[in-house]
Each structure stands twice: as C-alpha cells, then as structure tokens.
Amino acid sequence: MTTEHGPNKTGPLRDDEAKHEVQGEMKAGRSVRADEFREPEAPGEDQPETDRAPDTTLTGGTPPGMDADDVELRNDLARHLGMSVYPAERDGVLSALRENNAPDGLVSLAANLPGGRSYENVQDIMRALGRGTEERRT
C-alpha cells in the first residue's frame, strides 16, 4: 500500500489548520474580513432562498416558549446586531441593524421597540417586541 502525497491532499493537520482559519468568523457569527472584496457575495434576487428545514417545521430545535418564527427572528436579530451593541437603546439597535445591512423588514420590526429603555441582549429585544423567548426549566 502506497500513500500519495501532494499539495491537494488533506489530513488531520490540514483540517486543524482550516478549522483555525475560520474559527474567528464562526464565533463572531458574521464576516471578520478586513477587505470587502474577500466577502462572499449574497445570493441574487433571482436565486431561491434556502430553507433550514424544507417541507417541515423546526420542532426539534425549537425551545419551549418559542415557535419556529421566534427562533428565526431571534437568530436574524443576533446575526445583524452582534455582541458589541449591548447594552443599547432603541436608536442604537436601529443604527446597528442599518450598519449591518439588515433586511428592511427586520429594521421595521425593530422600529416598534419602546424607547427610553436599555436592552441588555437579544432576549430583551424579543420580549419588548412581544415575541416568545426561551423558558428556563428548573
């Protein structure tokens, strides 16, 4: 038995290197590239949107107190807000969503947030919008 070696072969060491290269981006939940031209392009308007659970609902991944729409909204908010925005008031949330190119529907929904209070995390925002949040089990 012979082992082939070459520049296109992968193995555990290369897998670890690749994992390390994308670790920051995975933890951030957004792109961390400094050069905009290195960003992957968003799908075009003529391309279909993907569904996380085609022909099904997200029952297995839906925590108590939330439905699939709440989970998706929470994920979208978290992805477009990041962690550095908190604590934030209504205007700070709206500003961060616009800066991070959030969809118009998400910005419009966040415009319904009550002003004059500070939001510590995405759960606070979900509660203020009257949406479901995870119920803690004791």
N, C-alpha and C. Protein backbone atom coordinates (compact mmCIF):
# COMPACT_ATOMS: atom_id res chain seq x y z
N MET A 1 0.84 -1.17 0.00
CA MET A 1 0.00 0.00 0.00
C MET A 1 0.89 1.24 0.00
N THR A 2 0.58 2.15 -0.92
CA THR A 2 1.37 3.37 -1.01
C THR A 2 0.51 4.56 -0.61
N THR A 3 1.15 5.52 -0.06
CA THR A 3 0.46 6.74 0.33
C THR A 3 0.86 7.84 -0.64
N GLU A 4 -0.13 8.52 -1.21
CA GLU A 4 0.15 9.61 -2.13
C GLU A 4 0.26 10.92 -1.35
N HIS A 5 1.25 11.69 -1.69
CA HIS A 5 1.44 12.98 -1.06
C HIS A 5 1.37 14.05 -2.14
N GLY A 6 0.91 15.18 -1.80
CA GLY A 6 0.84 16.27 -2.77
C GLY A 6 0.18 17.48 -2.16
N PRO A 7 0.19 18.58 -2.89
CA PRO A 7 -0.35 19.81 -2.33
C PRO A 7 -1.87 19.81 -2.14
N ASN A 8 -2.59 18.93 -2.81
CA ASN A 8 -4.04 18.92 -2.71
C ASN A 8 -4.56 17.88 -1.73
N LYS A 9 -3.71 17.19 -1.07
CA LYS A 9 -4.14 16.16 -0.12
C LYS A 9 -4.45 16.80 1.22
N THR A 10 -5.46 16.29 1.88
CA THR A 10 -5.80 16.80 3.20
C THR A 10 -5.60 15.71 4.23
N GLY A 11 -5.50 16.11 5.42
CA GLY A 11 -5.33 15.18 6.52
C GLY A 11 -5.69 15.89 7.81
N PRO A 12 -5.49 15.22 8.93
CA PRO A 12 -5.85 15.83 10.21
C PRO A 12 -5.16 17.16 10.47
N LEU A 13 -3.91 17.29 10.08
CA LEU A 13 -3.19 18.54 10.32
C LEU A 13 -3.80 19.67 9.50
N ARG A 14 -4.07 19.41 8.22
CA ARG A 14 -4.68 20.44 7.35
C ARG A 14 -6.10 20.76 7.82
N ASP A 15 -6.83 19.76 8.29
CA ASP A 15 -8.17 20.00 8.82
C ASP A 15 -8.11 20.94 10.01
N ASP A 16 -7.14 20.73 10.90
CA ASP A 16 -6.98 21.60 12.07
C ASP A 16 -6.61 23.02 11.65
N GLU A 17 -5.75 23.14 10.62
CA GLU A 17 -5.38 24.46 10.13
C GLU A 17 -6.60 25.19 9.56
N ALA A 18 -7.39 24.49 8.77
CA ALA A 18 -8.58 25.09 8.17
C ALA A 18 -9.57 25.50 9.25
N LYS A 19 -9.74 24.66 10.25
CA LYS A 19 -10.65 24.98 11.35
C LYS A 19 -10.18 26.25 12.08
N HIS A 20 -8.88 26.37 12.28
CA HIS A 20 -8.32 27.53 12.96
C HIS A 20 -8.53 28.79 12.13
N GLU A 21 -8.42 28.68 10.80
CA GLU A 21 -8.56 29.84 9.91
C GLU A 21 -9.96 30.45 9.98
N VAL A 22 -10.98 29.65 10.16
CA VAL A 22 -12.36 30.16 10.16
C VAL A 22 -12.95 30.28 11.56
N GLN A 23 -12.18 29.98 12.58
CA GLN A 23 -12.68 29.98 13.95
C GLN A 23 -13.24 31.35 14.36
N GLY A 24 -12.54 32.42 14.06
CA GLY A 24 -13.00 33.75 14.44
C GLY A 24 -14.31 34.11 13.77
N GLU A 25 -14.41 33.78 12.50
CA GLU A 25 -15.64 34.08 11.76
C GLU A 25 -16.82 33.28 12.31
N MET A 26 -16.59 32.04 12.68
CA MET A 26 -17.66 31.20 13.22
C MET A 26 -18.11 31.72 14.58
N LYS A 27 -17.19 32.14 15.42
CA LYS A 27 -17.55 32.65 16.74
C LYS A 27 -18.27 33.99 16.63
N ALA A 28 -17.86 34.83 15.69
CA ALA A 28 -18.45 36.15 15.54
C ALA A 28 -19.86 36.07 14.95
N GLY A 29 -20.12 35.04 14.16
CA GLY A 29 -21.43 34.93 13.53
C GLY A 29 -21.60 35.91 12.38
N ARG A 30 -20.50 36.49 11.93
CA ARG A 30 -20.51 37.42 10.82
C ARG A 30 -19.11 37.40 10.22
N SER A 31 -18.95 38.05 9.11
CA SER A 31 -17.64 38.08 8.46
C SER A 31 -16.67 38.94 9.27
N VAL A 32 -15.44 38.51 9.33
CA VAL A 32 -14.42 39.27 10.04
C VAL A 32 -13.31 39.71 9.08
N ARG A 33 -13.59 39.65 7.81
CA ARG A 33 -12.58 40.01 6.80
C ARG A 33 -12.46 41.53 6.70
N ALA A 34 -11.23 42.00 6.64
CA ALA A 34 -10.98 43.43 6.55
C ALA A 34 -11.22 43.94 5.14
N ASP A 35 -10.93 43.13 4.14
CA ASP A 35 -11.09 43.53 2.75
C ASP A 35 -12.45 43.10 2.25
N GLU A 36 -13.24 44.09 1.83
CA GLU A 36 -14.61 43.80 1.40
C GLU A 36 -14.65 42.87 0.20
N PHE A 37 -13.65 42.95 -0.70
CA PHE A 37 -13.67 42.13 -1.89
C PHE A 37 -13.50 40.64 -1.58
N ARG A 38 -13.08 40.31 -0.36
CA ARG A 38 -12.95 38.91 0.04
C ARG A 38 -14.25 38.32 0.59
N GLU A 39 -15.24 39.18 0.79
CA GLU A 39 -16.53 38.73 1.31
C GLU A 39 -17.25 37.88 0.28
N PRO A 40 -17.89 36.80 0.72
CA PRO A 40 -18.72 36.06 -0.23
C PRO A 40 -19.93 36.91 -0.60
N GLU A 41 -20.34 36.81 -1.85
CA GLU A 41 -21.47 37.60 -2.29
C GLU A 41 -22.78 36.97 -1.84
N ALA A 42 -23.74 37.82 -1.53
CA ALA A 42 -25.07 37.35 -1.14
C ALA A 42 -25.76 36.77 -2.37
N PRO A 43 -26.72 35.88 -2.17
CA PRO A 43 -27.44 35.33 -3.32
C PRO A 43 -28.19 36.44 -4.05
N GLY A 44 -28.31 36.29 -5.35
CA GLY A 44 -29.01 37.29 -6.16
C GLY A 44 -30.51 37.22 -5.97
N GLU A 45 -31.19 38.26 -6.46
CA GLU A 45 -32.64 38.32 -6.32
C GLU A 45 -33.33 37.19 -7.07
N ASP A 46 -32.70 36.69 -8.14
CA ASP A 46 -33.33 35.65 -8.93
C ASP A 46 -33.04 34.24 -8.41
N GLN A 47 -32.29 34.15 -7.31
CA GLN A 47 -31.96 32.85 -6.74
C GLN A 47 -32.92 32.52 -5.60
N PRO A 48 -33.31 31.27 -5.48
CA PRO A 48 -34.26 30.91 -4.42
C PRO A 48 -33.61 31.01 -3.05
N GLU A 49 -34.44 31.31 -2.05
CA GLU A 49 -33.96 31.33 -0.68
C GLU A 49 -33.91 29.90 -0.16
N THR A 50 -32.96 29.63 0.71
CA THR A 50 -32.86 28.30 1.27
C THR A 50 -33.74 28.19 2.51
N ASP A 51 -34.15 26.99 2.78
CA ASP A 51 -34.99 26.73 3.94
C ASP A 51 -34.21 25.81 4.87
N ARG A 52 -34.17 26.14 6.13
CA ARG A 52 -33.41 25.33 7.09
C ARG A 52 -34.02 23.96 7.29
N ALA A 53 -35.31 23.85 7.11
CA ALA A 53 -35.98 22.57 7.28
C ALA A 53 -37.03 22.44 6.17
N PRO A 54 -36.61 22.08 4.96
CA PRO A 54 -37.55 22.01 3.85
C PRO A 54 -38.71 21.06 4.15
N ASP A 55 -39.90 21.50 3.83
CA ASP A 55 -41.12 20.70 3.97
C ASP A 55 -41.41 20.26 5.40
N THR A 56 -40.78 20.88 6.39
CA THR A 56 -41.03 20.53 7.80
C THR A 56 -40.99 21.80 8.64
N THR A 57 -41.31 21.64 9.90
CA THR A 57 -41.15 22.76 10.84
C THR A 57 -39.97 22.45 11.74
N LEU A 58 -39.46 23.46 12.38
CA LEU A 58 -38.29 23.31 13.25
C LEU A 58 -38.71 22.88 14.66
N THR A 59 -39.40 21.79 14.79
CA THR A 59 -39.87 21.40 16.11
C THR A 59 -38.75 20.92 17.01
N GLY A 60 -37.82 20.15 16.51
CA GLY A 60 -36.75 19.61 17.35
C GLY A 60 -35.83 20.69 17.88
N GLY A 61 -35.62 21.76 17.11
CA GLY A 61 -34.71 22.81 17.54
C GLY A 61 -35.41 24.01 18.11
N THR A 62 -36.69 23.87 18.43
CA THR A 62 -37.45 24.99 18.95
C THR A 62 -37.58 24.87 20.46
N PRO A 63 -36.99 25.80 21.21
CA PRO A 63 -37.04 25.71 22.67
C PRO A 63 -38.45 26.01 23.20
N PRO A 64 -38.75 25.52 24.39
CA PRO A 64 -40.04 25.83 25.00
C PRO A 64 -40.23 27.33 25.14
N GLY A 65 -41.43 27.81 24.83
CA GLY A 65 -41.73 29.23 24.93
C GLY A 65 -41.57 29.98 23.61
N MET A 66 -41.06 29.28 22.58
CA MET A 66 -40.83 29.91 21.29
C MET A 66 -41.42 29.03 20.19
N ASP A 67 -41.77 29.66 19.07
CA ASP A 67 -42.13 28.88 17.90
C ASP A 67 -41.02 29.07 16.85
N ALA A 68 -41.15 28.42 15.73
CA ALA A 68 -40.10 28.46 14.71
C ALA A 68 -39.86 29.90 14.22
N ASP A 69 -40.92 30.70 14.10
CA ASP A 69 -40.76 32.09 13.67
C ASP A 69 -39.97 32.91 14.69
N ASP A 70 -40.22 32.65 15.98
CA ASP A 70 -39.47 33.34 17.04
C ASP A 70 -37.99 32.99 16.98
N VAL A 71 -37.70 31.71 16.76
CA VAL A 71 -36.30 31.27 16.69
C VAL A 71 -35.61 31.94 15.51
N GLU A 72 -36.28 31.98 14.38
CA GLU A 72 -35.69 32.59 13.19
C GLU A 72 -35.48 34.10 13.40
N LEU A 73 -36.46 34.77 14.01
CA LEU A 73 -36.32 36.20 14.28
C LEU A 73 -35.17 36.46 15.24
N ARG A 74 -35.09 35.67 16.30
CA ARG A 74 -34.00 35.84 17.27
C ARG A 74 -32.64 35.65 16.60
N ASN A 75 -32.54 34.65 15.74
CA ASN A 75 -31.29 34.40 15.03
C ASN A 75 -30.93 35.56 14.10
N ASP A 76 -31.94 36.07 13.39
CA ASP A 76 -31.69 37.19 12.48
C ASP A 76 -31.24 38.43 13.25
N LEU A 77 -31.91 38.71 14.36
CA LEU A 77 -31.50 39.85 15.19
C LEU A 77 -30.08 39.68 15.70
N ALA A 78 -29.78 38.52 16.23
CA ALA A 78 -28.44 38.27 16.78
C ALA A 78 -27.37 38.39 15.69
N ARG A 79 -27.66 37.87 14.52
CA ARG A 79 -26.69 37.91 13.42
C ARG A 79 -26.42 39.35 12.97
N HIS A 80 -27.45 40.18 12.93
CA HIS A 80 -27.27 41.53 12.43
C HIS A 80 -26.89 42.54 13.51
N LEU A 81 -27.03 42.17 14.77
CA LEU A 81 -26.66 43.10 15.85
C LEU A 81 -25.27 42.83 16.39
N GLY A 82 -24.88 41.58 16.53
CA GLY A 82 -23.60 41.27 17.15
C GLY A 82 -23.64 41.51 18.65
N MET A 83 -22.53 41.31 19.31
CA MET A 83 -22.47 41.46 20.76
C MET A 83 -22.06 42.86 21.20
N SER A 84 -21.34 43.58 20.36
CA SER A 84 -20.78 44.86 20.79
C SER A 84 -21.82 45.96 20.93
N VAL A 85 -23.03 45.75 20.45
CA VAL A 85 -24.06 46.78 20.51
C VAL A 85 -24.64 46.93 21.92
N TYR A 86 -24.57 45.89 22.73
CA TYR A 86 -25.23 45.88 24.04
C TYR A 86 -24.37 46.50 25.12
N PRO A 87 -24.98 47.13 26.10
CA PRO A 87 -26.39 47.49 26.20
C PRO A 87 -26.71 48.59 25.20
N ALA A 88 -27.94 48.57 24.68
CA ALA A 88 -28.33 49.52 23.64
C ALA A 88 -29.76 49.99 23.86
N GLU A 89 -30.01 51.21 23.48
CA GLU A 89 -31.36 51.73 23.47
C GLU A 89 -31.92 51.55 22.05
N ARG A 90 -33.17 51.88 21.86
CA ARG A 90 -33.86 51.67 20.59
C ARG A 90 -33.06 52.23 19.40
N ASP A 91 -32.59 53.48 19.52
CA ASP A 91 -31.86 54.10 18.42
C ASP A 91 -30.56 53.37 18.11
N GLY A 92 -29.89 52.87 19.15
CA GLY A 92 -28.66 52.10 18.95
C GLY A 92 -28.91 50.79 18.23
N VAL A 93 -30.03 50.14 18.57
CA VAL A 93 -30.40 48.88 17.90
C VAL A 93 -30.68 49.16 16.43
N LEU A 94 -31.47 50.20 16.15
CA LEU A 94 -31.80 50.54 14.77
C LEU A 94 -30.55 50.91 13.97
N SER A 95 -29.67 51.67 14.58
CA SER A 95 -28.44 52.08 13.92
C SER A 95 -27.57 50.86 13.58
N ALA A 96 -27.43 49.94 14.53
CA ALA A 96 -26.63 48.74 14.30
C ALA A 96 -27.24 47.87 13.20
N LEU A 97 -28.54 47.74 13.18
CA LEU A 97 -29.19 46.95 12.13
C LEU A 97 -28.94 47.57 10.76
N ARG A 98 -29.04 48.87 10.67
CA ARG A 98 -28.79 49.54 9.37
C ARG A 98 -27.33 49.41 8.96
N GLU A 99 -26.42 49.59 9.91
CA GLU A 99 -24.98 49.48 9.60
C GLU A 99 -24.62 48.08 9.13
N ASN A 100 -25.31 47.08 9.64
CA ASN A 100 -25.01 45.69 9.28
C ASN A 100 -25.91 45.18 8.16
N ASN A 101 -26.53 46.12 7.44
CA ASN A 101 -27.33 45.78 6.26
C ASN A 101 -28.43 44.76 6.54
N ALA A 102 -29.13 44.94 7.64
CA ALA A 102 -30.24 44.05 7.98
C ALA A 102 -31.38 44.27 6.98
N PRO A 103 -32.16 43.25 6.73
CA PRO A 103 -33.30 43.41 5.82
C PRO A 103 -34.26 44.49 6.33
N ASP A 104 -34.94 45.16 5.40
CA ASP A 104 -35.86 46.23 5.76
C ASP A 104 -36.93 45.77 6.74
N GLY A 105 -37.43 44.55 6.56
CA GLY A 105 -38.46 44.03 7.46
C GLY A 105 -37.98 43.94 8.90
N LEU A 106 -36.72 43.58 9.08
CA LEU A 106 -36.15 43.48 10.42
C LEU A 106 -35.99 44.87 11.04
N VAL A 107 -35.57 45.83 10.23
CA VAL A 107 -35.42 47.20 10.72
C VAL A 107 -36.80 47.77 11.08
N SER A 108 -37.80 47.50 10.24
CA SER A 108 -39.16 47.99 10.52
C SER A 108 -39.71 47.39 11.81
N LEU A 109 -39.46 46.12 12.02
CA LEU A 109 -39.91 45.47 13.25
C LEU A 109 -39.24 46.08 14.47
N ALA A 110 -37.93 46.31 14.37
CA ALA A 110 -37.19 46.90 15.50
C ALA A 110 -37.62 48.35 15.75
N ALA A 111 -38.16 49.01 14.75
CA ALA A 111 -38.64 50.38 14.94
C ALA A 111 -39.82 50.42 15.92
N ASN A 112 -40.45 49.27 16.16
CA ASN A 112 -41.55 49.18 17.12
C ASN A 112 -41.08 49.05 18.57
N LEU A 113 -39.77 48.97 18.78
CA LEU A 113 -39.26 48.86 20.14
C LEU A 113 -39.60 50.11 20.94
N PRO A 114 -40.01 49.94 22.19
CA PRO A 114 -40.25 51.11 23.03
C PRO A 114 -38.94 51.86 23.29
N GLY A 115 -38.99 53.17 23.22
CA GLY A 115 -37.81 53.98 23.51
C GLY A 115 -37.67 54.21 25.00
N GLY A 116 -36.56 54.79 25.40
CA GLY A 116 -36.36 55.16 26.79
C GLY A 116 -35.97 54.02 27.70
N ARG A 117 -35.57 52.89 27.14
CA ARG A 117 -35.09 51.80 27.99
C ARG A 117 -33.89 51.14 27.33
N SER A 118 -33.10 50.47 28.13
CA SER A 118 -31.89 49.82 27.66
C SER A 118 -32.14 48.32 27.47
N TYR A 119 -31.64 47.79 26.38
CA TYR A 119 -31.76 46.37 26.09
C TYR A 119 -30.40 45.72 26.30
N GLU A 120 -30.36 44.72 27.17
CA GLU A 120 -29.11 44.07 27.54
C GLU A 120 -28.70 42.96 26.58
N ASN A 121 -29.67 42.38 25.87
CA ASN A 121 -29.38 41.28 24.95
C ASN A 121 -30.56 41.08 24.00
N VAL A 122 -30.43 40.13 23.10
CA VAL A 122 -31.47 39.89 22.11
C VAL A 122 -32.76 39.38 22.76
N GLN A 123 -32.64 38.70 23.89
CA GLN A 123 -33.83 38.23 24.60
C GLN A 123 -34.67 39.42 25.08
N ASP A 124 -34.00 40.47 25.58
CA ASP A 124 -34.72 41.68 26.00
C ASP A 124 -35.47 42.29 24.82
N ILE A 125 -34.83 42.30 23.67
CA ILE A 125 -35.47 42.86 22.47
C ILE A 125 -36.68 42.01 22.09
N MET A 126 -36.54 40.70 22.12
CA MET A 126 -37.65 39.80 21.78
C MET A 126 -38.83 40.03 22.73
N ARG A 127 -38.56 40.15 24.01
CA ARG A 127 -39.63 40.40 25.00
C ARG A 127 -40.33 41.73 24.71
N ALA A 128 -39.54 42.77 24.43
CA ALA A 128 -40.10 44.08 24.17
C ALA A 128 -40.97 44.09 22.91
N LEU A 129 -40.66 43.21 21.98
CA LEU A 129 -41.45 43.11 20.75
C LEU A 129 -42.66 42.19 20.93
N GLY A 130 -42.80 41.61 22.13
CA GLY A 130 -43.93 40.73 22.40
C GLY A 130 -43.77 39.36 21.77
N ARG A 131 -42.55 38.96 21.51
CA ARG A 131 -42.28 37.67 20.89
C ARG A 131 -41.87 36.66 21.96
N GLY A 132 -41.94 35.39 21.60
CA GLY A 132 -41.58 34.33 22.54
C GLY A 132 -40.09 34.31 22.84
N THR A 133 -39.77 33.93 24.06
CA THR A 133 -38.38 33.73 24.48
C THR A 133 -38.27 32.38 25.17
N GLU A 134 -37.07 31.91 25.31
CA GLU A 134 -36.86 30.60 25.93
C GLU A 134 -37.31 30.63 27.38
N GLU A 135 -38.02 29.58 27.75
CA GLU A 135 -38.41 29.41 29.14
C GLU A 135 -37.36 28.55 29.81
N ARG A 136 -36.88 29.01 30.94
CA ARG A 136 -35.87 28.23 31.67
C ARG A 136 -36.56 27.12 32.44
N ARG A 137 -36.00 25.94 32.32
CA ARG A 137 -36.52 24.80 33.08
C ARG A 137 -35.75 24.68 34.37
N THR A 138 -36.48 24.43 35.45
CA THR A 138 -35.80 24.32 36.75
C THR A 138 -35.77 22.89 37.22
